[in-house]
């Protein structure tokens, strides 16, 4: 199964594409999509939308995994900006007829590190190890996107194992 994880952000959207077969996961591609802070909101969202469309066309994922919207009381504006980017991504995924799955951040952190409040550095170390990478994925947006994809691969693989067991 080919899984595209996306960590939505208005300034930087991270993405990570993996191939999963059983318990094996392999990195295919990872990177970031940037938008310019000086551009109008609608131009930034259009850019994210078009780049996600092209990414899906170029990589043909079976599923896209997206981080659920979260809000922190100290930074409420961040969640609003993330929501705009997330909406553009959801629309792009729908227009490409790809399945979309959403996971909360705490579930991803717990699935990857065993702790729902793991630090960015802990996540980065674990993702690096799970994918057998020489260097950690950077920036953290890419790490988060890969963590989304790996988590879905593990959940999906576990469900298939249970179905095959019965």
N, C-alpha and C. Protein backbone atom coordinates (compact mmCIF):
# COMPACT_ATOMS: atom_id res chain seq x y z
N UNK A 1 0.85 -1.17 0.00
CA UNK A 1 0.00 0.00 0.00
C UNK A 1 0.90 1.24 0.00
N UNK A 2 0.54 2.20 -0.80
CA UNK A 2 1.26 3.47 -0.89
C UNK A 2 0.50 4.50 -0.07
N UNK A 3 1.19 5.09 0.92
CA UNK A 3 0.55 6.00 1.87
C UNK A 3 1.25 7.35 1.85
N UNK A 4 0.45 8.40 1.67
CA UNK A 4 0.96 9.77 1.69
C UNK A 4 0.50 10.44 2.97
N UNK A 5 1.45 10.75 3.84
CA UNK A 5 1.16 11.50 5.06
C UNK A 5 1.38 12.98 4.81
N UNK A 6 0.48 13.81 5.32
CA UNK A 6 0.60 15.25 5.12
C UNK A 6 0.42 15.96 6.46
N UNK A 7 1.40 16.79 6.81
CA UNK A 7 1.34 17.64 7.99
C UNK A 7 0.98 19.05 7.51
N UNK A 8 -0.29 19.45 7.65
CA UNK A 8 -0.74 20.70 7.05
C UNK A 8 -0.23 21.94 7.78
N UNK A 9 0.15 22.92 7.01
CA UNK A 9 0.54 24.22 7.55
C UNK A 9 0.41 25.25 6.45
N UNK A 10 0.11 26.47 6.82
CA UNK A 10 -0.04 27.52 5.82
C UNK A 10 1.32 27.93 5.25
N UNK A 11 2.32 28.06 6.10
CA UNK A 11 3.66 28.43 5.63
C UNK A 11 4.42 27.25 5.07
N UNK A 12 4.42 26.16 5.83
CA UNK A 12 5.11 24.93 5.42
C UNK A 12 4.18 23.75 5.64
N UNK A 13 3.95 23.00 4.58
CA UNK A 13 3.21 21.75 4.64
C UNK A 13 4.22 20.64 4.37
N UNK A 14 4.35 19.74 5.33
CA UNK A 14 5.26 18.61 5.15
C UNK A 14 4.52 17.43 4.55
N UNK A 15 5.25 16.63 3.76
CA UNK A 15 4.65 15.41 3.23
C UNK A 15 5.66 14.28 3.25
N UNK A 16 5.16 13.08 3.37
CA UNK A 16 6.00 11.89 3.36
C UNK A 16 5.26 10.74 2.72
N UNK A 17 5.86 10.12 1.76
CA UNK A 17 5.26 9.01 1.02
C UNK A 17 6.03 7.74 1.34
N UNK A 18 5.28 6.71 1.75
CA UNK A 18 5.91 5.42 2.03
C UNK A 18 5.17 4.32 1.29
N UNK A 19 5.88 3.23 1.06
CA UNK A 19 5.26 2.00 0.60
C UNK A 19 5.26 1.05 1.78
N UNK A 20 4.14 0.38 1.99
CA UNK A 20 3.98 -0.52 3.12
C UNK A 20 3.53 -1.88 2.63
N UNK A 21 4.21 -2.90 3.14
CA UNK A 21 3.82 -4.28 2.84
C UNK A 21 3.99 -5.07 4.13
N UNK A 22 2.87 -5.41 4.75
CA UNK A 22 2.95 -6.08 6.05
C UNK A 22 3.55 -5.15 7.07
N UNK A 23 4.58 -5.61 7.76
CA UNK A 23 5.24 -4.78 8.76
C UNK A 23 6.41 -3.98 8.17
N UNK A 24 6.68 -4.16 6.88
CA UNK A 24 7.77 -3.43 6.23
C UNK A 24 7.28 -2.10 5.68
N UNK A 25 8.02 -1.04 5.98
CA UNK A 25 7.74 0.28 5.42
C UNK A 25 9.01 0.81 4.78
N UNK A 26 8.82 1.47 3.64
CA UNK A 26 9.97 2.00 2.89
C UNK A 26 9.66 3.43 2.46
N UNK A 27 10.61 4.32 2.70
CA UNK A 27 10.47 5.70 2.28
C UNK A 27 10.56 5.78 0.76
N UNK A 28 9.60 6.47 0.16
CA UNK A 28 9.61 6.70 -1.28
C UNK A 28 10.05 8.13 -1.56
N UNK A 29 9.42 9.07 -0.88
CA UNK A 29 9.69 10.48 -1.13
C UNK A 29 9.19 11.30 0.06
N UNK A 30 9.86 12.41 0.33
CA UNK A 30 9.42 13.31 1.39
C UNK A 30 9.89 14.72 1.06
N UNK A 31 9.14 15.69 1.55
CA UNK A 31 9.54 17.07 1.30
C UNK A 31 8.56 18.05 1.90
N UNK A 32 8.66 19.29 1.45
CA UNK A 32 7.78 20.33 1.96
C UNK A 32 7.19 21.14 0.81
N UNK A 33 6.07 21.73 1.11
CA UNK A 33 5.41 22.67 0.20
C UNK A 33 5.38 23.99 0.96
N UNK A 34 5.93 25.03 0.35
CA UNK A 34 5.99 26.34 1.00
C UNK A 34 5.03 27.31 0.33
N UNK A 35 4.53 28.24 1.15
CA UNK A 35 3.81 29.37 0.58
C UNK A 35 4.46 30.64 1.13
N UNK A 36 4.34 31.71 0.38
CA UNK A 36 4.98 32.97 0.76
C UNK A 36 4.08 33.78 1.67
N UNK A 37 4.60 34.19 2.82
CA UNK A 37 3.83 34.95 3.80
C UNK A 37 3.33 36.27 3.24
N UNK A 38 4.03 36.82 2.27
CA UNK A 38 3.63 38.12 1.71
C UNK A 38 2.44 38.02 0.75
N UNK A 39 2.17 36.80 0.27
CA UNK A 39 1.05 36.61 -0.66
C UNK A 39 -0.28 36.65 0.07
N UNK A 40 -1.34 36.99 -0.67
CA UNK A 40 -2.68 36.97 -0.10
C UNK A 40 -3.06 35.54 0.26
N UNK A 41 -3.95 35.42 1.22
CA UNK A 41 -4.39 34.10 1.70
C UNK A 41 -4.88 33.22 0.55
N UNK A 42 -5.71 33.77 -0.33
CA UNK A 42 -6.28 32.95 -1.40
C UNK A 42 -5.20 32.42 -2.35
N UNK A 43 -4.16 33.20 -2.58
CA UNK A 43 -3.06 32.76 -3.45
C UNK A 43 -2.27 31.65 -2.76
N UNK A 44 -2.06 31.79 -1.46
CA UNK A 44 -1.33 30.76 -0.70
C UNK A 44 -2.10 29.44 -0.72
N UNK A 45 -3.40 29.52 -0.52
CA UNK A 45 -4.22 28.30 -0.50
C UNK A 45 -4.31 27.66 -1.87
N UNK A 46 -4.39 28.48 -2.91
CA UNK A 46 -4.40 27.95 -4.26
C UNK A 46 -3.10 27.21 -4.56
N UNK A 47 -1.98 27.77 -4.11
CA UNK A 47 -0.68 27.12 -4.32
C UNK A 47 -0.60 25.77 -3.62
N UNK A 48 -1.06 25.72 -2.37
CA UNK A 48 -1.06 24.45 -1.63
C UNK A 48 -1.95 23.44 -2.35
N UNK A 49 -3.14 23.88 -2.74
CA UNK A 49 -4.09 23.01 -3.43
C UNK A 49 -3.47 22.42 -4.70
N UNK A 50 -2.91 23.28 -5.55
CA UNK A 50 -2.33 22.81 -6.81
C UNK A 50 -1.14 21.88 -6.59
N UNK A 51 -0.31 22.19 -5.60
CA UNK A 51 0.87 21.34 -5.34
C UNK A 51 0.46 19.98 -4.79
N UNK A 52 -0.59 19.94 -3.99
CA UNK A 52 -1.08 18.66 -3.49
C UNK A 52 -1.69 17.85 -4.63
N UNK A 53 -2.45 18.50 -5.50
CA UNK A 53 -3.01 17.82 -6.68
C UNK A 53 -1.87 17.18 -7.48
N UNK A 54 -0.82 17.95 -7.78
CA UNK A 54 0.30 17.43 -8.56
C UNK A 54 1.04 16.32 -7.83
N UNK A 55 1.19 16.47 -6.52
CA UNK A 55 1.86 15.43 -5.73
C UNK A 55 1.08 14.12 -5.81
N UNK A 56 -0.22 14.20 -5.68
CA UNK A 56 -1.05 12.99 -5.76
C UNK A 56 -0.98 12.38 -7.17
N UNK A 57 -1.06 13.22 -8.19
CA UNK A 57 -0.96 12.71 -9.57
C UNK A 57 0.39 12.03 -9.81
N UNK A 58 1.46 12.64 -9.31
CA UNK A 58 2.82 12.12 -9.55
C UNK A 58 3.14 10.85 -8.76
N UNK A 59 2.54 10.70 -7.57
CA UNK A 59 2.93 9.59 -6.69
C UNK A 59 1.89 8.49 -6.55
N UNK A 60 0.66 8.75 -6.95
CA UNK A 60 -0.44 7.76 -6.93
C UNK A 60 -0.59 7.02 -5.60
N UNK A 61 -0.83 7.75 -4.50
CA UNK A 61 -1.04 7.05 -3.22
C UNK A 61 -2.39 6.34 -3.18
N UNK A 62 -2.45 5.28 -2.40
CA UNK A 62 -3.71 4.58 -2.18
C UNK A 62 -4.56 5.32 -1.16
N UNK A 63 -3.90 6.02 -0.26
CA UNK A 63 -4.58 6.75 0.81
C UNK A 63 -3.73 7.96 1.21
N UNK A 64 -4.41 9.01 1.64
CA UNK A 64 -3.74 10.19 2.19
C UNK A 64 -4.11 10.26 3.66
N UNK A 65 -3.11 10.47 4.50
CA UNK A 65 -3.32 10.57 5.95
C UNK A 65 -2.99 11.99 6.37
N UNK A 66 -3.93 12.61 7.06
CA UNK A 66 -3.83 14.01 7.42
C UNK A 66 -3.96 14.18 8.92
N UNK A 67 -3.18 15.09 9.45
CA UNK A 67 -3.28 15.40 10.88
C UNK A 67 -4.58 16.14 11.15
N UNK A 68 -5.29 15.71 12.20
CA UNK A 68 -6.52 16.41 12.58
C UNK A 68 -6.19 17.80 13.10
N UNK A 69 -7.15 18.67 12.99
CA UNK A 69 -6.99 20.03 13.49
C UNK A 69 -6.92 20.01 15.01
N UNK A 70 -5.96 20.74 15.55
CA UNK A 70 -5.87 20.87 16.99
C UNK A 70 -5.69 22.33 17.33
N UNK A 71 -6.01 22.67 18.56
CA UNK A 71 -5.90 24.06 18.98
C UNK A 71 -5.19 24.11 20.33
N UNK A 72 -4.29 25.04 20.45
CA UNK A 72 -3.58 25.26 21.71
C UNK A 72 -4.01 26.62 22.23
N UNK A 73 -4.37 26.67 23.48
CA UNK A 73 -4.91 27.91 24.04
C UNK A 73 -3.93 29.08 23.96
N UNK A 74 -2.64 28.81 23.90
CA UNK A 74 -1.64 29.88 23.80
C UNK A 74 -1.52 30.43 22.38
N UNK A 75 -1.91 29.61 21.39
CA UNK A 75 -1.73 30.00 19.98
C UNK A 75 -2.99 29.69 19.16
N UNK A 76 -4.12 30.33 19.46
CA UNK A 76 -5.34 30.00 18.72
C UNK A 76 -5.27 30.35 17.24
N UNK A 77 -4.51 31.37 16.88
CA UNK A 77 -4.42 31.76 15.46
C UNK A 77 -3.76 30.66 14.62
N UNK A 78 -2.83 29.94 15.22
CA UNK A 78 -2.14 28.86 14.51
C UNK A 78 -3.14 27.81 14.02
N UNK A 79 -4.10 27.45 14.86
CA UNK A 79 -5.07 26.44 14.45
C UNK A 79 -5.97 26.96 13.33
N UNK A 80 -6.27 28.25 13.34
CA UNK A 80 -7.09 28.83 12.28
C UNK A 80 -6.33 28.77 10.95
N UNK A 81 -5.06 29.16 10.97
CA UNK A 81 -4.25 29.12 9.75
C UNK A 81 -4.06 27.69 9.26
N UNK A 82 -3.85 26.76 10.20
CA UNK A 82 -3.71 25.35 9.84
C UNK A 82 -5.02 24.85 9.22
N UNK A 83 -6.14 25.32 9.74
CA UNK A 83 -7.44 24.92 9.21
C UNK A 83 -7.64 25.33 7.77
N UNK A 84 -7.15 26.52 7.41
CA UNK A 84 -7.22 26.95 6.01
C UNK A 84 -6.44 25.99 5.11
N UNK A 85 -5.21 25.71 5.50
CA UNK A 85 -4.36 24.80 4.70
C UNK A 85 -4.97 23.41 4.64
N UNK A 86 -5.49 22.96 5.76
CA UNK A 86 -6.10 21.64 5.83
C UNK A 86 -7.30 21.53 4.89
N UNK A 87 -8.09 22.60 4.82
CA UNK A 87 -9.24 22.62 3.92
C UNK A 87 -8.83 22.51 2.46
N UNK A 88 -7.77 23.23 2.08
CA UNK A 88 -7.28 23.16 0.70
C UNK A 88 -6.78 21.76 0.38
N UNK A 89 -6.13 21.13 1.35
CA UNK A 89 -5.61 19.77 1.16
C UNK A 89 -6.76 18.77 1.04
N UNK A 90 -7.75 18.88 1.90
CA UNK A 90 -8.91 17.98 1.84
C UNK A 90 -9.61 18.09 0.48
N UNK A 91 -9.75 19.30 -0.02
CA UNK A 91 -10.38 19.52 -1.31
C UNK A 91 -9.56 18.88 -2.43
N UNK A 92 -8.25 19.05 -2.38
CA UNK A 92 -7.38 18.45 -3.40
C UNK A 92 -7.48 16.93 -3.39
N UNK A 93 -7.47 16.35 -2.20
CA UNK A 93 -7.57 14.89 -2.07
C UNK A 93 -8.90 14.40 -2.64
N UNK A 94 -9.97 15.10 -2.30
CA UNK A 94 -11.30 14.72 -2.80
C UNK A 94 -11.35 14.82 -4.32
N UNK A 95 -10.77 15.85 -4.88
CA UNK A 95 -10.80 16.02 -6.34
C UNK A 95 -9.97 14.98 -7.08
N UNK A 96 -9.08 14.31 -6.36
CA UNK A 96 -8.28 13.24 -6.96
C UNK A 96 -8.84 11.86 -6.64
N UNK A 97 -9.98 11.81 -5.96
CA UNK A 97 -10.65 10.55 -5.62
C UNK A 97 -9.76 9.57 -4.86
N UNK A 98 -9.04 10.10 -3.89
CA UNK A 98 -8.18 9.28 -3.05
C UNK A 98 -8.81 9.24 -1.66
N UNK A 99 -8.71 8.09 -1.00
CA UNK A 99 -9.23 7.97 0.36
C UNK A 99 -8.46 8.88 1.30
N UNK A 100 -9.17 9.47 2.25
CA UNK A 100 -8.56 10.37 3.23
C UNK A 100 -8.84 9.85 4.63
N UNK A 101 -7.79 9.76 5.44
CA UNK A 101 -7.89 9.31 6.82
C UNK A 101 -7.29 10.41 7.70
N UNK A 102 -7.91 10.65 8.85
CA UNK A 102 -7.43 11.67 9.78
C UNK A 102 -7.10 11.04 11.13
N UNK A 103 -5.99 11.49 11.72
CA UNK A 103 -5.60 11.03 13.05
C UNK A 103 -5.24 12.24 13.91
N UNK A 104 -5.58 12.19 15.20
CA UNK A 104 -5.15 13.26 16.09
C UNK A 104 -3.65 13.13 16.41
N UNK A 105 -3.04 14.25 16.69
CA UNK A 105 -1.60 14.30 16.97
C UNK A 105 -1.21 13.36 18.10
N UNK A 106 -1.99 13.33 19.16
CA UNK A 106 -1.61 12.49 20.30
C UNK A 106 -1.62 11.01 19.94
N UNK A 107 -2.53 10.59 19.07
CA UNK A 107 -2.57 9.18 18.64
C UNK A 107 -1.32 8.85 17.82
N UNK A 108 -0.90 9.77 16.97
CA UNK A 108 0.30 9.56 16.16
C UNK A 108 1.53 9.43 17.07
N UNK A 109 1.66 10.38 18.00
CA UNK A 109 2.81 10.35 18.91
C UNK A 109 2.85 9.07 19.73
N UNK A 110 1.69 8.65 20.20
CA UNK A 110 1.63 7.42 21.00
C UNK A 110 1.97 6.20 20.14
N UNK A 111 1.46 6.16 18.92
CA UNK A 111 1.73 5.03 18.03
C UNK A 111 3.21 4.94 17.66
N UNK A 112 3.86 6.09 17.48
CA UNK A 112 5.25 6.10 17.04
C UNK A 112 6.23 5.91 18.20
N UNK A 113 5.99 6.63 19.32
CA UNK A 113 6.97 6.62 20.42
C UNK A 113 6.48 5.90 21.67
N UNK A 114 5.16 5.62 21.74
CA UNK A 114 4.61 5.03 22.95
C UNK A 114 4.15 6.06 23.96
N UNK A 115 4.32 7.34 23.62
CA UNK A 115 3.93 8.42 24.54
C UNK A 115 3.20 9.50 23.76
N UNK A 116 1.98 9.83 24.18
CA UNK A 116 1.14 10.80 23.46
C UNK A 116 1.60 12.24 23.52
N UNK A 117 2.60 12.51 24.35
CA UNK A 117 3.12 13.88 24.45
C UNK A 117 4.61 13.93 24.10
N UNK A 118 5.01 13.07 23.20
CA UNK A 118 6.42 13.00 22.80
C UNK A 118 6.87 14.31 22.17
N UNK A 119 8.14 14.62 22.33
CA UNK A 119 8.70 15.84 21.75
C UNK A 119 8.96 15.65 20.25
N UNK A 120 9.17 16.76 19.58
CA UNK A 120 9.51 16.71 18.14
C UNK A 120 10.78 15.90 17.93
N UNK A 121 11.74 16.06 18.83
CA UNK A 121 13.02 15.35 18.71
C UNK A 121 12.83 13.84 18.90
N UNK A 122 11.98 13.45 19.85
CA UNK A 122 11.71 12.02 20.05
C UNK A 122 11.05 11.43 18.80
N UNK A 123 10.10 12.17 18.25
CA UNK A 123 9.43 11.71 17.03
C UNK A 123 10.44 11.55 15.90
N UNK A 124 11.31 12.53 15.76
CA UNK A 124 12.30 12.50 14.68
C UNK A 124 13.24 11.29 14.82
N UNK A 125 13.71 11.04 16.03
CA UNK A 125 14.60 9.89 16.25
C UNK A 125 13.90 8.57 15.92
N UNK A 126 12.66 8.44 16.36
CA UNK A 126 11.93 7.19 16.14
C UNK A 126 11.61 6.97 14.66
N UNK A 127 11.16 8.02 13.98
CA UNK A 127 10.87 7.91 12.55
C UNK A 127 12.14 7.55 11.78
N UNK A 128 13.25 8.18 12.14
CA UNK A 128 14.54 7.88 11.50
C UNK A 128 14.88 6.41 11.66
N UNK A 129 14.68 5.89 12.85
CA UNK A 129 14.98 4.49 13.13
C UNK A 129 14.03 3.55 12.40
N UNK A 130 12.73 3.85 12.45
CA UNK A 130 11.74 2.98 11.80
C UNK A 130 11.94 2.86 10.30
N UNK A 131 12.40 3.95 9.69
CA UNK A 131 12.62 3.94 8.24
C UNK A 131 14.06 3.56 7.87
N UNK A 132 14.91 3.34 8.86
CA UNK A 132 16.29 2.95 8.60
C UNK A 132 17.08 4.03 7.86
N UNK A 133 16.82 5.29 8.21
CA UNK A 133 17.49 6.41 7.53
C UNK A 133 18.82 6.73 8.18
N UNK A 134 19.77 7.18 7.38
CA UNK A 134 21.07 7.61 7.91
C UNK A 134 20.95 8.96 8.60
N UNK A 135 20.15 9.84 8.02
CA UNK A 135 19.97 11.19 8.56
C UNK A 135 18.49 11.40 8.89
N UNK A 136 18.23 12.16 9.94
CA UNK A 136 16.82 12.40 10.29
C UNK A 136 16.13 13.29 9.26
N UNK A 137 14.84 13.03 9.03
CA UNK A 137 14.09 13.88 8.10
C UNK A 137 13.94 15.29 8.68
N UNK A 138 14.15 16.28 7.86
CA UNK A 138 14.00 17.67 8.29
C UNK A 138 13.26 18.43 7.23
N UNK A 139 12.52 19.45 7.63
CA UNK A 139 12.24 19.92 8.99
C UNK A 139 11.27 18.98 9.69
N UNK A 140 10.86 19.37 10.90
CA UNK A 140 9.95 18.54 11.68
C UNK A 140 8.63 18.28 10.95
N UNK A 141 8.23 19.17 10.05
CA UNK A 141 7.00 18.98 9.28
C UNK A 141 7.07 17.69 8.46
N UNK A 142 8.24 17.38 7.95
CA UNK A 142 8.43 16.14 7.18
C UNK A 142 8.37 14.94 8.12
N UNK A 143 9.02 15.06 9.27
CA UNK A 143 8.97 13.98 10.27
C UNK A 143 7.53 13.68 10.65
N UNK A 144 6.76 14.73 10.92
CA UNK A 144 5.36 14.55 11.32
C UNK A 144 4.55 13.88 10.22
N UNK A 145 4.79 14.26 8.97
CA UNK A 145 4.08 13.65 7.85
C UNK A 145 4.43 12.17 7.72
N UNK A 146 5.70 11.85 7.86
CA UNK A 146 6.11 10.44 7.80
C UNK A 146 5.52 9.64 8.96
N UNK A 147 5.45 10.26 10.13
CA UNK A 147 4.85 9.59 11.29
C UNK A 147 3.38 9.26 11.03
N UNK A 148 2.68 10.17 10.37
CA UNK A 148 1.28 9.93 10.00
C UNK A 148 1.18 8.70 9.09
N UNK A 149 2.02 8.66 8.08
CA UNK A 149 2.00 7.55 7.12
C UNK A 149 2.36 6.22 7.79
N UNK A 150 3.38 6.24 8.64
CA UNK A 150 3.82 5.01 9.33
C UNK A 150 2.72 4.51 10.26
N UNK A 151 2.09 5.43 10.98
CA UNK A 151 1.01 5.04 11.89
C UNK A 151 -0.12 4.36 11.12
N UNK A 152 -0.50 4.95 10.00
CA UNK A 152 -1.57 4.34 9.21
C UNK A 152 -1.14 2.97 8.67
N UNK A 153 0.10 2.85 8.25
CA UNK A 153 0.59 1.55 7.77
C UNK A 153 0.49 0.50 8.87
N UNK A 154 0.84 0.88 10.08
CA UNK A 154 0.78 -0.06 11.20
C UNK A 154 -0.66 -0.42 11.55
N UNK A 155 -1.55 0.55 11.57
CA UNK A 155 -2.95 0.28 11.88
C UNK A 155 -3.59 -0.55 10.77
N UNK A 156 -3.36 -0.17 9.53
CA UNK A 156 -3.92 -0.89 8.39
C UNK A 156 -3.36 -2.31 8.32
N UNK A 157 -2.05 -2.44 8.51
CA UNK A 157 -1.42 -3.75 8.48
C UNK A 157 -1.93 -4.65 9.58
N UNK A 158 -2.13 -4.07 10.77
CA UNK A 158 -2.63 -4.84 11.90
C UNK A 158 -4.05 -5.32 11.63
N UNK A 159 -4.87 -4.47 11.05
CA UNK A 159 -6.26 -4.87 10.72
C UNK A 159 -6.26 -5.99 9.69
N UNK A 160 -5.39 -5.89 8.69
CA UNK A 160 -5.32 -6.95 7.67
C UNK A 160 -4.81 -8.25 8.27
N UNK A 161 -3.83 -8.16 9.19
CA UNK A 161 -3.34 -9.35 9.84
C UNK A 161 -4.45 -10.04 10.61
N UNK A 162 -5.29 -9.26 11.30
CA UNK A 162 -6.39 -9.83 12.05
C UNK A 162 -7.41 -10.50 11.12
N UNK A 163 -7.70 -9.86 9.99
CA UNK A 163 -8.64 -10.42 9.03
C UNK A 163 -8.10 -11.72 8.43
N UNK A 164 -6.81 -11.75 8.13
CA UNK A 164 -6.20 -12.95 7.57
C UNK A 164 -6.11 -14.06 8.59
N UNK A 165 -6.01 -13.70 9.87
CA UNK A 165 -5.92 -14.68 10.94
C UNK A 165 -7.23 -15.42 11.13
N UNK A 166 -8.33 -14.72 10.93
CA UNK A 166 -9.67 -15.33 11.17
C UNK A 166 -10.06 -16.32 10.14
